């Protein structure tokens, strides 16, 4: 009876370890999707006729910036730049606000 319990326990532990390593391998193989330089989670909202080019990068030197996601980088360039335009608009708006708040002859060092 003790042999059966020991064997079942060892089998159960080995199954748990296999499941954990399998999950880790899957979670590390997630690709990074960059649309016009902006990271997105899915590309379902992109229209096929809007896409100019698709490049896949598997260079280890670049992938280290996106660690632990080692599935590669998919760089998509679009005509409409719909993910990039809101970021640019926000940047230019903040730049204009900063210019308005600027005082002549005063230097701010942060």
Protein backbone atom coordinates (compact mmCIF):
# COMPACT_ATOMS: atom_id res chain seq x y z
CA UNK A 1 0.00 0.00 0.00
CA UNK A 2 2.84 2.41 0.85
CA UNK A 3 4.43 1.71 -2.54
CA UNK A 4 1.21 2.70 -4.30
CA UNK A 5 0.96 5.96 -2.35
CA UNK A 6 4.60 6.82 -3.09
CA UNK A 7 4.20 6.02 -6.79
CA UNK A 8 0.96 8.01 -7.05
CA UNK A 9 2.53 10.98 -5.26
CA UNK A 10 5.58 10.91 -7.52
CA UNK A 11 3.35 10.64 -10.61
CA UNK A 12 1.17 13.53 -9.43
CA UNK A 13 4.20 15.76 -8.77
CA UNK A 14 5.74 14.97 -12.15
CA UNK A 15 2.44 15.81 -13.87
CA UNK A 16 2.30 19.14 -12.04
CA UNK A 17 5.87 20.01 -13.05
CA UNK A 18 5.18 19.10 -16.69
CA UNK A 19 2.06 21.28 -16.72
CA UNK A 20 3.94 24.23 -15.21
CA UNK A 21 6.81 24.03 -17.69
CA UNK A 22 4.31 23.68 -20.56
CA UNK A 23 2.49 26.84 -19.44
CA UNK A 24 5.76 28.76 -19.10
CA UNK A 25 6.87 27.78 -22.60
CA UNK A 26 3.55 28.92 -24.06
CA UNK A 27 3.54 32.22 -22.18
CA UNK A 28 7.10 33.03 -23.31
CA UNK A 29 6.32 32.42 -26.98
CA UNK A 30 3.95 35.38 -27.31
CA UNK A 31 4.74 37.61 -30.28
CA UNK A 32 4.96 41.38 -29.95
CA UNK A 33 2.76 43.19 -32.46
CA UNK A 34 3.80 46.71 -33.41
CA UNK A 35 1.46 48.65 -35.68
CA UNK A 36 3.14 51.85 -36.87
CA UNK A 37 5.50 51.64 -33.90
CA UNK A 38 2.71 51.27 -31.32
CA UNK A 39 2.33 48.00 -29.44
CA UNK A 40 -1.14 46.46 -29.80
CA UNK A 41 -2.68 43.28 -28.38
CA UNK A 42 -4.53 42.11 -31.49
CA UNK A 43 -4.80 43.06 -35.14
CA UNK A 44 -8.44 42.15 -35.65
CA UNK A 45 -9.44 45.78 -36.22
CA UNK A 46 -6.93 46.28 -39.05
CA UNK A 47 -8.29 46.17 -42.58
CA UNK A 48 -6.31 44.20 -45.12
CA UNK A 49 -6.28 47.00 -47.69
CA UNK A 50 -4.89 49.43 -45.06
CA UNK A 51 -1.69 47.40 -44.54
CA UNK A 52 1.37 48.53 -46.48
CA UNK A 53 3.94 46.03 -45.20
CA UNK A 54 4.50 43.33 -42.58
CA UNK A 55 7.97 42.46 -41.26
CA UNK A 56 8.83 39.73 -38.77
CA UNK A 57 11.93 40.23 -36.61
CA UNK A 58 13.56 37.35 -34.72
CA UNK A 59 16.83 39.07 -33.76
CA UNK A 60 17.89 38.25 -30.19
CA UNK A 61 19.37 41.73 -29.66
CA UNK A 62 15.98 43.36 -30.29
CA UNK A 63 13.94 40.71 -28.49
CA UNK A 64 15.73 41.44 -25.19
CA UNK A 65 13.76 44.71 -24.96
CA UNK A 66 10.50 42.75 -24.98
CA UNK A 67 11.58 40.00 -22.54
CA UNK A 68 9.97 37.57 -21.55
CA UNK A 69 7.91 37.58 -24.75
CA UNK A 70 10.28 35.80 -27.11
CA UNK A 71 7.87 34.91 -29.93
CA UNK A 72 9.30 37.51 -32.27
CA UNK A 73 8.22 40.97 -33.31
CA UNK A 74 5.68 41.62 -36.04
CA UNK A 75 6.08 45.15 -37.43
CA UNK A 76 3.08 46.30 -39.45
CA UNK A 77 2.99 49.55 -41.40
CA UNK A 78 -0.42 51.00 -42.31
CA UNK A 79 -1.65 53.79 -44.58
CA UNK A 80 -4.04 55.35 -42.07
CA UNK A 81 -1.68 55.36 -39.02
CA UNK A 82 -4.77 55.01 -36.81
CA UNK A 83 -2.81 53.86 -33.74
CA UNK A 84 -0.09 56.48 -34.13
CA UNK A 85 -2.23 59.58 -34.77
CA UNK A 86 -3.77 59.81 -31.25
CA UNK A 87 -0.33 59.57 -29.67
CA UNK A 88 1.05 62.28 -31.95
CA UNK A 89 -1.93 64.53 -31.28
CA UNK A 90 -1.51 64.13 -27.52
CA UNK A 91 2.21 64.92 -27.80
CA UNK A 92 1.65 68.08 -29.84
CA UNK A 93 -1.11 69.20 -27.48
CA UNK A 94 1.20 68.78 -24.46
CA UNK A 95 3.96 70.61 -26.34
CA UNK A 96 1.66 73.58 -27.03
CA UNK A 97 0.53 73.67 -23.38
CA UNK A 98 4.15 73.67 -22.24
CA UNK A 99 4.94 76.58 -24.59
CA UNK A 100 2.03 78.58 -23.14
CA UNK A 101 3.23 78.00 -19.57
CA UNK A 102 6.82 78.98 -20.38
CA UNK A 103 8.03 82.20 -18.79
CA UNK A 104 10.66 84.30 -20.51
CA UNK A 105 13.99 84.48 -18.72
CA UNK A 106 13.20 81.59 -16.32
CA UNK A 107 15.04 78.30 -16.60
CA UNK A 108 13.57 75.23 -14.95
CA UNK A 109 15.90 72.34 -14.32
CA UNK A 110 14.27 69.13 -13.18
